[in-house]
Amino acid sequence: MRLNTLKPAEGSHRRHVRVGRGIGSGLGKTCGRGIKGSGARKSPNVRPGFEGGQMPLKIRLPKFGFYSPKSDLTAEVLLNDLNRIEGDVVDMASLLKARLINKKIKYVKIVLSRVPNFTRKVEVKGLGVTRGAKAAIEAAGGTVEIASYTLAAAARREKSALRRANKNKMLQDKLAATGIVKPAKKDKAEKAAAKNK
């Protein structure tokens, strides 16, 4: 083998297609672009997914589902898994130490296991707890301190419901006071004047 005998593998380099080199080449005159229109120009300016004015596939298909960015930061922990925690206090640090959650998790909710097998007396601090899990923990002699973010969310929901109720009451009071008022009908002279304007 010598340097002057080296060459690329068969089929790895394809020859560049030379367009516009006469009728005999098969790619002369319009160079395979057809006649007129967007595709015949230097820059077609066609967005991805454009189907020539036809309703594109991405719009024809129905929308479904929802992705919450908060779901990446939220985790559920089964009540039975709390048996693996050392100590009597269950909080974010103890869950992380027991490898029940990872470092990026910010919101945790303890949920009741399908077959509850939890009899330890623990103190839950700063975590979300479902109704069933709370009842099971308190039945075993433990205590639950609800997370601040759970209480804040409940307060926001309550405030929103109160605002909606006040708005509905205001509209009902206004309707009761004034009744349904229909717009006054215009007579022929007013209609003619409005038309001439």
N, C-alpha and C. Protein backbone atom coordinates (compact mmCIF):
# COMPACT_ATOMS: atom_id res chain seq x y z
N MET A 1 0.85 -1.20 0.00
CA MET A 1 0.00 0.00 0.00
C MET A 1 0.88 1.26 0.00
N ARG A 2 0.54 2.18 -0.88
CA ARG A 2 1.27 3.45 -0.94
C ARG A 2 0.28 4.61 -0.82
N LEU A 3 0.79 5.80 -0.49
CA LEU A 3 -0.08 6.97 -0.35
C LEU A 3 -0.82 7.29 -1.63
N ASN A 4 -0.17 7.08 -2.77
CA ASN A 4 -0.82 7.42 -4.03
C ASN A 4 -1.88 6.41 -4.45
N THR A 5 -1.97 5.28 -3.72
CA THR A 5 -2.99 4.27 -4.05
C THR A 5 -4.20 4.34 -3.11
N LEU A 6 -4.13 5.21 -2.08
CA LEU A 6 -5.25 5.33 -1.14
C LEU A 6 -6.44 6.00 -1.79
N LYS A 7 -7.65 5.50 -1.55
CA LYS A 7 -8.87 6.13 -2.06
C LYS A 7 -10.04 5.75 -1.14
N PRO A 8 -11.09 6.58 -1.12
CA PRO A 8 -12.23 6.28 -0.23
C PRO A 8 -12.93 4.99 -0.62
N ALA A 9 -13.68 4.42 0.36
CA ALA A 9 -14.40 3.17 0.12
C ALA A 9 -15.45 3.35 -0.96
N GLU A 10 -15.77 2.28 -1.63
CA GLU A 10 -16.74 2.30 -2.73
C GLU A 10 -18.11 2.75 -2.21
N GLY A 11 -18.69 3.80 -2.79
CA GLY A 11 -20.02 4.28 -2.42
C GLY A 11 -20.03 5.31 -1.30
N SER A 12 -18.86 5.60 -0.67
CA SER A 12 -18.85 6.57 0.43
C SER A 12 -18.89 8.01 -0.08
N HIS A 13 -18.41 8.26 -1.29
CA HIS A 13 -18.43 9.59 -1.88
C HIS A 13 -19.28 9.57 -3.14
N ARG A 14 -20.36 10.35 -3.13
CA ARG A 14 -21.22 10.43 -4.31
C ARG A 14 -20.90 11.69 -5.08
N ARG A 15 -20.96 11.60 -6.38
CA ARG A 15 -20.65 12.76 -7.22
C ARG A 15 -21.75 13.80 -7.09
N HIS A 16 -21.37 15.06 -7.04
CA HIS A 16 -22.31 16.18 -6.96
C HIS A 16 -23.16 16.25 -8.24
N VAL A 17 -24.47 16.43 -8.09
CA VAL A 17 -25.36 16.51 -9.26
C VAL A 17 -25.20 17.89 -9.89
N ARG A 18 -24.85 17.93 -11.15
CA ARG A 18 -24.67 19.20 -11.87
C ARG A 18 -25.95 19.49 -12.65
N VAL A 19 -26.68 20.52 -12.20
CA VAL A 19 -27.96 20.85 -12.85
C VAL A 19 -27.76 22.01 -13.81
N GLY A 20 -28.72 22.14 -14.72
CA GLY A 20 -28.67 23.25 -15.67
C GLY A 20 -27.58 23.11 -16.71
N ARG A 21 -27.29 21.87 -17.13
CA ARG A 21 -26.23 21.64 -18.11
C ARG A 21 -26.78 21.01 -19.39
N GLY A 22 -27.93 21.51 -19.83
CA GLY A 22 -28.47 21.06 -21.10
C GLY A 22 -29.58 20.04 -20.98
N ILE A 23 -30.37 19.92 -22.08
CA ILE A 23 -31.53 19.05 -22.10
C ILE A 23 -31.12 17.59 -21.93
N GLY A 24 -30.02 17.22 -22.52
CA GLY A 24 -29.58 15.82 -22.49
C GLY A 24 -29.28 15.30 -21.09
N SER A 25 -28.93 16.19 -20.17
CA SER A 25 -28.58 15.73 -18.82
C SER A 25 -29.80 15.28 -18.01
N GLY A 26 -31.00 15.72 -18.44
CA GLY A 26 -32.22 15.40 -17.70
C GLY A 26 -32.52 16.40 -16.60
N LEU A 27 -31.56 17.25 -16.29
CA LEU A 27 -31.77 18.29 -15.28
C LEU A 27 -31.36 19.65 -15.83
N GLY A 28 -31.79 19.90 -17.07
CA GLY A 28 -31.51 21.20 -17.68
C GLY A 28 -32.66 22.15 -17.49
N LYS A 29 -32.56 23.36 -17.98
CA LYS A 29 -33.59 24.40 -17.91
C LYS A 29 -34.07 24.66 -16.49
N THR A 30 -35.13 23.98 -16.02
CA THR A 30 -35.67 24.29 -14.68
C THR A 30 -34.95 23.51 -13.57
N CYS A 31 -34.00 22.66 -13.91
CA CYS A 31 -33.14 21.98 -12.93
C CYS A 31 -33.91 21.11 -11.95
N GLY A 32 -35.02 20.52 -12.38
CA GLY A 32 -35.77 19.62 -11.52
C GLY A 32 -36.68 20.31 -10.53
N ARG A 33 -36.81 21.66 -10.65
CA ARG A 33 -37.65 22.41 -9.71
C ARG A 33 -39.05 22.67 -10.24
N GLY A 34 -39.36 22.27 -11.45
CA GLY A 34 -40.68 22.53 -12.01
C GLY A 34 -40.78 23.95 -12.53
N ILE A 35 -42.01 24.40 -12.82
CA ILE A 35 -42.23 25.72 -13.42
C ILE A 35 -42.92 26.63 -12.42
N LYS A 36 -42.33 27.77 -12.15
CA LYS A 36 -42.89 28.81 -11.27
C LYS A 36 -43.23 28.28 -9.87
N GLY A 37 -43.79 29.15 -9.06
CA GLY A 37 -44.20 28.77 -7.72
C GLY A 37 -43.08 28.91 -6.70
N SER A 38 -43.44 28.71 -5.45
CA SER A 38 -42.51 28.91 -4.34
C SER A 38 -41.28 28.01 -4.44
N GLY A 39 -41.49 26.73 -4.83
CA GLY A 39 -40.38 25.79 -4.88
C GLY A 39 -39.38 26.08 -5.97
N ALA A 40 -39.76 26.88 -6.98
CA ALA A 40 -38.85 27.19 -8.08
C ALA A 40 -37.91 28.34 -7.73
N ARG A 41 -38.17 29.04 -6.65
CA ARG A 41 -37.35 30.20 -6.28
C ARG A 41 -36.10 29.77 -5.51
N LYS A 42 -35.26 30.77 -5.28
CA LYS A 42 -34.01 30.50 -4.57
C LYS A 42 -34.30 30.13 -3.11
N SER A 43 -35.19 30.87 -2.46
CA SER A 43 -35.57 30.60 -1.06
C SER A 43 -37.07 30.34 -1.01
N PRO A 44 -37.51 29.07 -0.94
CA PRO A 44 -38.97 28.78 -0.96
C PRO A 44 -39.73 29.35 0.22
N ASN A 45 -39.07 29.54 1.40
CA ASN A 45 -39.75 30.10 2.58
C ASN A 45 -40.99 29.29 2.96
N VAL A 46 -40.84 28.01 3.06
CA VAL A 46 -41.95 27.14 3.45
C VAL A 46 -41.64 26.58 4.83
N ARG A 47 -42.54 26.79 5.78
CA ARG A 47 -42.29 26.33 7.15
C ARG A 47 -42.40 24.80 7.22
N PRO A 48 -41.77 24.18 8.21
CA PRO A 48 -41.90 22.72 8.36
C PRO A 48 -43.35 22.32 8.61
N GLY A 49 -43.82 21.30 7.93
CA GLY A 49 -45.20 20.82 8.10
C GLY A 49 -46.20 21.50 7.17
N PHE A 50 -45.74 22.46 6.33
CA PHE A 50 -46.66 23.14 5.40
C PHE A 50 -47.08 22.18 4.30
N GLU A 51 -48.39 22.11 4.02
CA GLU A 51 -48.90 21.16 3.05
C GLU A 51 -49.58 21.86 1.89
N GLY A 52 -49.01 22.97 1.47
CA GLY A 52 -49.54 23.67 0.29
C GLY A 52 -50.87 24.33 0.51
N GLY A 53 -51.21 24.68 1.73
CA GLY A 53 -52.49 25.32 2.03
C GLY A 53 -53.51 24.35 2.57
N GLN A 54 -53.28 23.05 2.35
CA GLN A 54 -54.17 22.04 2.94
C GLN A 54 -54.00 22.07 4.46
N MET A 55 -55.07 21.69 5.17
CA MET A 55 -55.00 21.65 6.63
C MET A 55 -53.89 20.68 7.07
N PRO A 56 -52.85 21.17 7.74
CA PRO A 56 -51.70 20.30 8.07
C PRO A 56 -52.08 19.21 9.07
N LEU A 57 -51.28 18.16 9.06
CA LEU A 57 -51.53 17.01 9.94
C LEU A 57 -51.50 17.42 11.41
N LYS A 58 -50.58 18.33 11.76
CA LYS A 58 -50.45 18.72 13.17
C LYS A 58 -51.69 19.47 13.66
N ILE A 59 -52.49 20.04 12.76
CA ILE A 59 -53.73 20.73 13.15
C ILE A 59 -54.93 19.79 13.01
N ARG A 60 -54.84 18.85 12.05
CA ARG A 60 -55.94 17.89 11.86
C ARG A 60 -56.09 16.96 13.07
N LEU A 61 -54.96 16.61 13.68
CA LEU A 61 -55.02 15.69 14.82
C LEU A 61 -55.54 16.42 16.06
N PRO A 62 -56.33 15.75 16.89
CA PRO A 62 -56.88 16.42 18.07
C PRO A 62 -55.82 16.63 19.16
N LYS A 63 -56.04 17.65 19.97
CA LYS A 63 -55.16 17.88 21.12
C LYS A 63 -55.66 17.02 22.28
N PHE A 64 -54.74 16.52 23.07
CA PHE A 64 -55.14 15.77 24.26
C PHE A 64 -54.01 15.80 25.26
N GLY A 65 -54.37 15.57 26.51
CA GLY A 65 -53.36 15.46 27.55
C GLY A 65 -52.91 16.81 28.08
N PHE A 66 -52.14 16.74 29.15
CA PHE A 66 -51.64 17.95 29.79
C PHE A 66 -50.34 17.59 30.51
N TYR A 67 -49.35 18.44 30.40
CA TYR A 67 -48.08 18.21 31.10
C TYR A 67 -47.87 19.33 32.11
N SER A 68 -47.73 18.96 33.37
CA SER A 68 -47.47 19.94 34.41
C SER A 68 -45.99 19.93 34.76
N PRO A 69 -45.31 21.07 34.68
CA PRO A 69 -43.89 21.12 35.05
C PRO A 69 -43.66 20.74 36.51
N LYS A 70 -44.71 20.92 37.33
CA LYS A 70 -44.59 20.60 38.75
C LYS A 70 -44.48 19.09 38.99
N SER A 71 -44.93 18.28 38.00
CA SER A 71 -44.91 16.83 38.19
C SER A 71 -43.48 16.29 38.32
N ASP A 72 -42.50 16.99 37.72
CA ASP A 72 -41.10 16.56 37.84
C ASP A 72 -40.56 16.77 39.24
N LEU A 73 -41.19 17.69 40.01
CA LEU A 73 -40.70 18.03 41.34
C LEU A 73 -41.55 17.39 42.44
N THR A 74 -42.55 16.59 42.04
CA THR A 74 -43.49 16.02 43.01
C THR A 74 -43.32 14.50 43.07
N ALA A 75 -43.48 13.94 44.26
CA ALA A 75 -43.38 12.48 44.42
C ALA A 75 -44.42 12.00 45.42
N GLU A 76 -44.85 10.75 45.24
CA GLU A 76 -45.76 10.10 46.18
C GLU A 76 -44.99 8.99 46.91
N VAL A 77 -45.18 8.93 48.22
CA VAL A 77 -44.51 7.90 49.03
C VAL A 77 -45.58 7.05 49.69
N LEU A 78 -45.48 5.73 49.56
CA LEU A 78 -46.45 4.83 50.17
C LEU A 78 -46.25 4.79 51.69
N LEU A 79 -47.34 4.62 52.40
CA LEU A 79 -47.31 4.61 53.86
C LEU A 79 -46.42 3.48 54.38
N ASN A 80 -46.47 2.32 53.73
CA ASN A 80 -45.65 1.18 54.17
C ASN A 80 -44.16 1.44 54.03
N ASP A 81 -43.80 2.33 53.09
CA ASP A 81 -42.38 2.64 52.88
C ASP A 81 -41.78 3.42 54.05
N LEU A 82 -42.64 4.02 54.88
CA LEU A 82 -42.13 4.78 56.03
C LEU A 82 -41.50 3.86 57.08
N ASN A 83 -41.74 2.54 56.95
CA ASN A 83 -41.09 1.59 57.86
C ASN A 83 -39.58 1.56 57.68
N ARG A 84 -39.12 1.99 56.49
CA ARG A 84 -37.67 1.95 56.20
C ARG A 84 -36.93 3.15 56.79
N ILE A 85 -37.67 4.13 57.31
CA ILE A 85 -37.04 5.35 57.83
C ILE A 85 -36.54 5.12 59.25
N GLU A 86 -35.31 5.60 59.49
CA GLU A 86 -34.74 5.51 60.84
C GLU A 86 -35.18 6.74 61.64
N GLY A 87 -35.54 6.55 62.89
CA GLY A 87 -35.98 7.67 63.72
C GLY A 87 -37.49 7.82 63.69
N ASP A 88 -37.97 8.75 64.51
CA ASP A 88 -39.42 8.95 64.66
C ASP A 88 -39.96 10.14 63.88
N VAL A 89 -39.06 10.95 63.29
CA VAL A 89 -39.49 12.14 62.55
C VAL A 89 -39.41 11.86 61.05
N VAL A 90 -40.53 12.08 60.35
CA VAL A 90 -40.58 11.89 58.89
C VAL A 90 -40.67 13.26 58.24
N ASP A 91 -39.61 13.66 57.56
CA ASP A 91 -39.61 14.92 56.81
C ASP A 91 -38.82 14.71 55.52
N MET A 92 -38.57 15.79 54.78
CA MET A 92 -37.88 15.68 53.49
C MET A 92 -36.49 15.08 53.66
N ALA A 93 -35.78 15.51 54.72
CA ALA A 93 -34.41 15.04 54.94
C ALA A 93 -34.38 13.54 55.21
N SER A 94 -35.31 13.05 56.04
CA SER A 94 -35.33 11.62 56.37
C SER A 94 -35.74 10.77 55.17
N LEU A 95 -36.66 11.29 54.33
CA LEU A 95 -37.05 10.57 53.11
C LEU A 95 -35.88 10.48 52.14
N LEU A 96 -35.11 11.57 52.04
CA LEU A 96 -33.94 11.60 51.16
C LEU A 96 -32.87 10.63 51.65
N LYS A 97 -32.70 10.58 52.96
CA LYS A 97 -31.70 9.69 53.56
C LYS A 97 -32.07 8.22 53.33
N ALA A 98 -33.38 7.93 53.39
CA ALA A 98 -33.85 6.55 53.16
C ALA A 98 -33.97 6.21 51.67
N ARG A 99 -33.62 7.17 50.79
CA ARG A 99 -33.66 7.00 49.34
C ARG A 99 -35.06 6.73 48.80
N LEU A 100 -36.05 7.32 49.46
CA LEU A 100 -37.43 7.22 48.97
C LEU A 100 -37.72 8.33 47.96
N ILE A 101 -36.94 9.39 47.98
CA ILE A 101 -37.04 10.48 47.00
C ILE A 101 -35.63 10.87 46.58
N ASN A 102 -35.52 11.64 45.49
CA ASN A 102 -34.21 12.14 45.08
C ASN A 102 -34.08 13.63 45.38
N LYS A 103 -32.93 14.21 45.03
CA LYS A 103 -32.62 15.58 45.44
C LYS A 103 -33.50 16.63 44.78
N LYS A 104 -33.99 16.36 43.57
CA LYS A 104 -34.75 17.39 42.86
C LYS A 104 -36.21 17.51 43.33
N ILE A 105 -36.69 16.55 44.12
CA ILE A 105 -38.08 16.55 44.61
C ILE A 105 -38.26 17.66 45.65
N LYS A 106 -39.32 18.46 45.46
CA LYS A 106 -39.63 19.55 46.39
C LYS A 106 -40.97 19.35 47.11
N TYR A 107 -41.87 18.57 46.49
CA TYR A 107 -43.20 18.35 47.07
C TYR A 107 -43.43 16.84 47.22
N VAL A 108 -43.84 16.42 48.42
CA VAL A 108 -44.06 15.00 48.69
C VAL A 108 -45.44 14.81 49.30
N LYS A 109 -46.11 13.75 48.87
CA LYS A 109 -47.40 13.39 49.47
C LYS A 109 -47.35 11.93 49.90
N ILE A 110 -47.73 11.68 51.15
CA ILE A 110 -47.78 10.31 51.66
C ILE A 110 -49.17 9.75 51.37
N VAL A 111 -49.22 8.61 50.69
CA VAL A 111 -50.50 8.01 50.31
C VAL A 111 -50.65 6.66 51.00
N LEU A 112 -51.90 6.26 51.21
CA LEU A 112 -52.20 5.00 51.89
C LEU A 112 -51.86 3.82 50.98
N SER A 113 -51.19 2.82 51.52
CA SER A 113 -50.84 1.61 50.76
C SER A 113 -52.10 0.78 50.52
N ARG A 114 -52.03 -0.08 49.50
CA ARG A 114 -53.19 -0.93 49.18
C ARG A 114 -53.50 -1.87 50.35
N VAL A 115 -52.43 -2.42 50.94
CA VAL A 115 -52.58 -3.27 52.13
C VAL A 115 -51.76 -2.61 53.24
N PRO A 116 -52.38 -1.74 54.05
CA PRO A 116 -51.62 -1.00 55.07
C PRO A 116 -50.95 -1.95 56.08
N ASN A 117 -49.65 -1.74 56.26
CA ASN A 117 -48.88 -2.56 57.20
C ASN A 117 -47.96 -1.62 57.99
N PHE A 118 -48.57 -0.60 58.59
CA PHE A 118 -47.79 0.44 59.27
C PHE A 118 -48.31 0.59 60.70
N THR A 119 -47.43 0.33 61.66
CA THR A 119 -47.85 0.42 63.07
C THR A 119 -46.89 1.27 63.89
N ARG A 120 -45.94 1.95 63.25
CA ARG A 120 -44.96 2.76 63.98
C ARG A 120 -45.57 4.09 64.42
N LYS A 121 -45.05 4.60 65.51
CA LYS A 121 -45.47 5.93 65.99
C LYS A 121 -44.46 6.94 65.47
N VAL A 122 -44.88 7.75 64.48
CA VAL A 122 -43.97 8.72 63.86
C VAL A 122 -44.60 10.11 63.88
N GLU A 123 -43.73 11.10 63.65
CA GLU A 123 -44.17 12.49 63.60
C GLU A 123 -43.88 13.01 62.19
N VAL A 124 -44.92 13.24 61.42
CA VAL A 124 -44.77 13.71 60.03
C VAL A 124 -44.73 15.23 60.02
N LYS A 125 -43.68 15.81 59.40
CA LYS A 125 -43.51 17.26 59.38
C LYS A 125 -43.29 17.77 57.96
N GLY A 126 -44.07 18.79 57.60
CA GLY A 126 -43.86 19.49 56.33
C GLY A 126 -44.11 18.67 55.08
N LEU A 127 -45.01 17.69 55.14
CA LEU A 127 -45.33 16.86 53.98
C LEU A 127 -46.83 16.84 53.75
N GLY A 128 -47.22 16.60 52.50
CA GLY A 128 -48.64 16.41 52.19
C GLY A 128 -49.06 15.00 52.57
N VAL A 129 -50.25 14.84 53.10
CA VAL A 129 -50.73 13.53 53.53
C VAL A 129 -52.18 13.37 53.09
N THR A 130 -52.51 12.22 52.53
CA THR A 130 -53.90 11.97 52.14
C THR A 130 -54.73 11.66 53.39
N ARG A 131 -56.06 11.70 53.22
CA ARG A 131 -56.96 11.48 54.36
C ARG A 131 -56.76 10.10 54.99
N GLY A 132 -56.67 9.08 54.13
CA GLY A 132 -56.51 7.71 54.62
C GLY A 132 -55.18 7.50 55.34
N ALA A 133 -54.10 8.08 54.75
CA ALA A 133 -52.78 7.94 55.37
C ALA A 133 -52.72 8.66 56.71
N LYS A 134 -53.36 9.84 56.77
CA LYS A 134 -53.39 10.61 58.02
C LYS A 134 -54.11 9.82 59.12
N ALA A 135 -55.24 9.21 58.76
CA ALA A 135 -56.00 8.42 59.73
C ALA A 135 -55.18 7.23 60.23
N ALA A 136 -54.42 6.58 59.32
CA ALA A 136 -53.61 5.42 59.70
C ALA A 136 -52.47 5.83 60.63
N ILE A 137 -51.83 6.98 60.34
CA ILE A 137 -50.72 7.45 61.18
C ILE A 137 -51.22 7.82 62.57
N GLU A 138 -52.35 8.52 62.61
CA GLU A 138 -52.90 8.93 63.91
C GLU A 138 -53.44 7.73 64.70
N ALA A 139 -53.93 6.70 64.00
CA ALA A 139 -54.39 5.49 64.67
C ALA A 139 -53.23 4.74 65.33
N ALA A 140 -52.02 4.86 64.72
CA ALA A 140 -50.84 4.21 65.30
C ALA A 140 -50.21 5.06 66.40
N GLY A 141 -50.81 6.23 66.71
CA GLY A 141 -50.31 7.08 67.79
C GLY A 141 -49.40 8.19 67.32
N GLY A 142 -49.26 8.37 66.01
CA GLY A 142 -48.39 9.41 65.46
C GLY A 142 -49.12 10.73 65.28
N THR A 143 -48.36 11.74 64.86
CA THR A 143 -48.94 13.07 64.61
C THR A 143 -48.58 13.52 63.20
N VAL A 144 -49.41 14.41 62.66
CA VAL A 144 -49.20 14.92 61.29
C VAL A 144 -49.23 16.43 61.31
N GLU A 145 -48.16 17.04 60.78
CA GLU A 145 -48.11 18.50 60.61
C GLU A 145 -48.17 18.77 59.10
N ILE A 146 -49.28 19.32 58.65
CA ILE A 146 -49.50 19.51 57.22
C ILE A 146 -48.49 20.51 56.65
N ALA A 147 -48.04 20.26 55.42
CA ALA A 147 -47.06 21.13 54.76
C ALA A 147 -47.65 22.50 54.50
N SER A 148 -46.79 23.51 54.54
CA SER A 148 -47.23 24.90 54.33
C SER A 148 -47.77 25.11 52.91
N TYR A 149 -47.14 24.42 51.91
CA TYR A 149 -47.59 24.59 50.52
C TYR A 149 -48.98 23.99 50.31
N THR A 150 -49.32 22.96 51.07
CA THR A 150 -50.67 22.37 50.99
C THR A 150 -51.71 23.32 51.56
N LEU A 151 -51.37 23.94 52.70
CA LEU A 151 -52.29 24.90 53.32
C LEU A 151 -52.46 26.14 52.44
N ALA A 152 -51.37 26.59 51.82
CA ALA A 152 -51.43 27.77 50.93
C ALA A 152 -52.32 27.48 49.73
N ALA A 153 -52.20 26.26 49.16
CA ALA A 153 -53.03 25.89 48.00
C ALA A 153 -54.51 25.84 48.39
N ALA A 154 -54.80 25.30 49.59
CA ALA A 154 -56.18 25.24 50.06
C ALA A 154 -56.75 26.64 50.28
N ALA A 155 -55.91 27.56 50.80
CA ALA A 155 -56.34 28.95 51.02
C ALA A 155 -56.64 29.64 49.69
N ARG A 156 -55.80 29.37 48.67
CA ARG A 156 -56.03 29.96 47.35
C ARG A 156 -57.33 29.47 46.74
N ARG A 157 -57.60 28.16 46.88
CA ARG A 157 -58.85 27.60 46.35
C ARG A 157 -60.06 28.22 47.04
N GLU A 158 -59.96 28.38 48.35
CA GLU A 158 -61.07 28.95 49.12
C GLU A 158 -61.31 30.40 48.73
N LYS A 159 -60.22 31.14 48.55
CA LYS A 159 -60.33 32.56 48.15
C LYS A 159 -60.97 32.69 46.77
N SER A 160 -60.57 31.81 45.86
CA SER A 160 -61.12 31.83 44.50
C SER A 160 -62.61 31.51 44.52
N ALA A 161 -63.01 30.50 45.31
CA ALA A 161 -64.42 30.12 45.40
C ALA A 161 -65.25 31.25 46.00
N LEU A 162 -64.69 31.95 47.00
CA LEU A 162 -65.40 33.07 47.63
C LEU A 162 -65.57 34.22 46.65
N ARG A 163 -64.53 34.50 45.87
CA ARG A 163 -64.60 35.59 44.89
C ARG A 163 -65.65 35.27 43.82
N ARG A 164 -65.68 34.01 43.38
CA ARG A 164 -66.67 33.60 42.36
C ARG A 164 -68.09 33.70 42.92
N ALA A 165 -68.28 33.30 44.19
CA ALA A 165 -69.60 33.36 44.81
C ALA A 165 -70.06 34.81 44.96
N ASN A 166 -69.14 35.71 45.35
CA ASN A 166 -69.47 37.13 45.49
C ASN A 166 -69.87 37.75 44.16
N LYS A 167 -69.16 37.35 43.10
CA LYS A 167 -69.45 37.89 41.77
C LYS A 167 -70.84 37.44 41.31
N ASN A 168 -71.14 36.15 41.53
CA ASN A 168 -72.47 35.63 41.15
C ASN A 168 -73.59 36.31 41.93
N LYS A 169 -73.33 36.55 43.22
CA LYS A 169 -74.34 37.20 44.07
C LYS A 169 -74.59 38.63 43.61
N MET A 170 -73.51 39.34 43.24
CA MET A 170 -73.63 40.72 42.77
C MET A 170 -74.46 40.78 41.49
N LEU A 171 -74.21 39.83 40.56
CA LEU A 171 -74.96 39.81 39.31
C LEU A 171 -76.44 39.49 39.55
N GLN A 172 -76.70 38.56 40.49
CA GLN A 172 -78.08 38.21 40.81
C GLN A 172 -78.83 39.37 41.47
N ASP A 173 -78.14 40.10 42.36
CA ASP A 173 -78.75 41.26 43.02
C ASP A 173 -79.07 42.36 42.00
N LYS A 174 -78.14 42.55 41.07
CA LYS A 174 -78.35 43.57 40.04
C LYS A 174 -79.54 43.21 39.16
N LEU A 175 -79.65 41.93 38.82
CA LEU A 175 -80.76 41.47 37.98
C LEU A 175 -82.09 41.58 38.73
N ALA A 176 -82.06 41.28 40.03
CA ALA A 176 -83.29 41.38 40.83
C ALA A 176 -83.75 42.82 40.98
N ALA A 177 -82.79 43.75 41.06
CA ALA A 177 -83.13 45.17 41.25
C ALA A 177 -83.66 45.80 39.97
N THR A 178 -83.02 45.50 38.84
CA THR A 178 -83.39 46.17 37.59
C THR A 178 -84.32 45.33 36.73
N GLY A 179 -84.25 44.00 36.88
CA GLY A 179 -85.02 43.13 36.01
C GLY A 179 -84.35 43.04 34.64
N ILE A 180 -84.96 42.26 33.77
CA ILE A 180 -84.42 42.13 32.41
C ILE A 180 -84.87 43.33 31.59
N VAL A 181 -83.91 44.16 31.20
CA VAL A 181 -84.23 45.38 30.44
C VAL A 181 -83.90 45.14 28.98
N LYS A 182 -84.91 45.23 28.14
CA LYS A 182 -84.70 45.07 26.71
C LYS A 182 -84.39 46.43 26.11
N PRO A 183 -83.53 46.48 25.08
CA PRO A 183 -83.22 47.78 24.46
C PRO A 183 -84.45 48.37 23.78
N ALA A 184 -84.57 49.68 23.87
CA ALA A 184 -85.73 50.36 23.29
C ALA A 184 -85.70 50.26 21.77
N LYS A 185 -86.88 50.04 21.17
CA LYS A 185 -86.95 49.91 19.72
C LYS A 185 -86.89 51.30 19.07
N LYS A 186 -86.16 51.38 17.96
CA LYS A 186 -86.06 52.65 17.23
C LYS A 186 -87.27 52.79 16.31
N ASP A 187 -87.75 54.02 16.23
CA ASP A 187 -88.85 54.24 15.29
C ASP A 187 -88.27 54.48 13.89
N LYS A 188 -89.14 54.61 12.92
CA LYS A 188 -88.69 54.70 11.50
C LYS A 188 -87.84 55.94 11.26
N ALA A 189 -88.17 57.07 11.93
CA ALA A 189 -87.41 58.31 11.72
C ALA A 189 -85.96 58.16 12.21
N GLU A 190 -85.78 57.53 13.39
CA GLU A 190 -84.44 57.32 13.93
C GLU A 190 -83.62 56.37 13.06
N LYS A 191 -84.29 55.34 12.54
CA LYS A 191 -83.61 54.39 11.65
C LYS A 191 -83.12 55.07 10.38
N ALA A 192 -83.98 55.95 9.81
CA ALA A 192 -83.62 56.67 8.59
C ALA A 192 -82.46 57.62 8.84
N ALA A 193 -82.49 58.29 10.03
CA ALA A 193 -81.40 59.23 10.38
C ALA A 193 -80.09 58.50 10.56
N ALA A 194 -80.14 57.33 11.20
CA ALA A 194 -78.92 56.55 11.42
C ALA A 194 -78.37 56.04 10.08
N LYS A 195 -79.30 55.70 9.17
CA LYS A 195 -78.87 55.18 7.86
C LYS A 195 -78.22 56.27 7.01
N ASN A 196 -78.73 57.51 7.11
CA ASN A 196 -78.20 58.62 6.32
C ASN A 196 -76.82 59.07 6.79
N LYS A 197 -76.53 58.81 8.06
CA LYS A 197 -75.20 59.18 8.58
C LYS A 197 -74.12 58.38 7.87
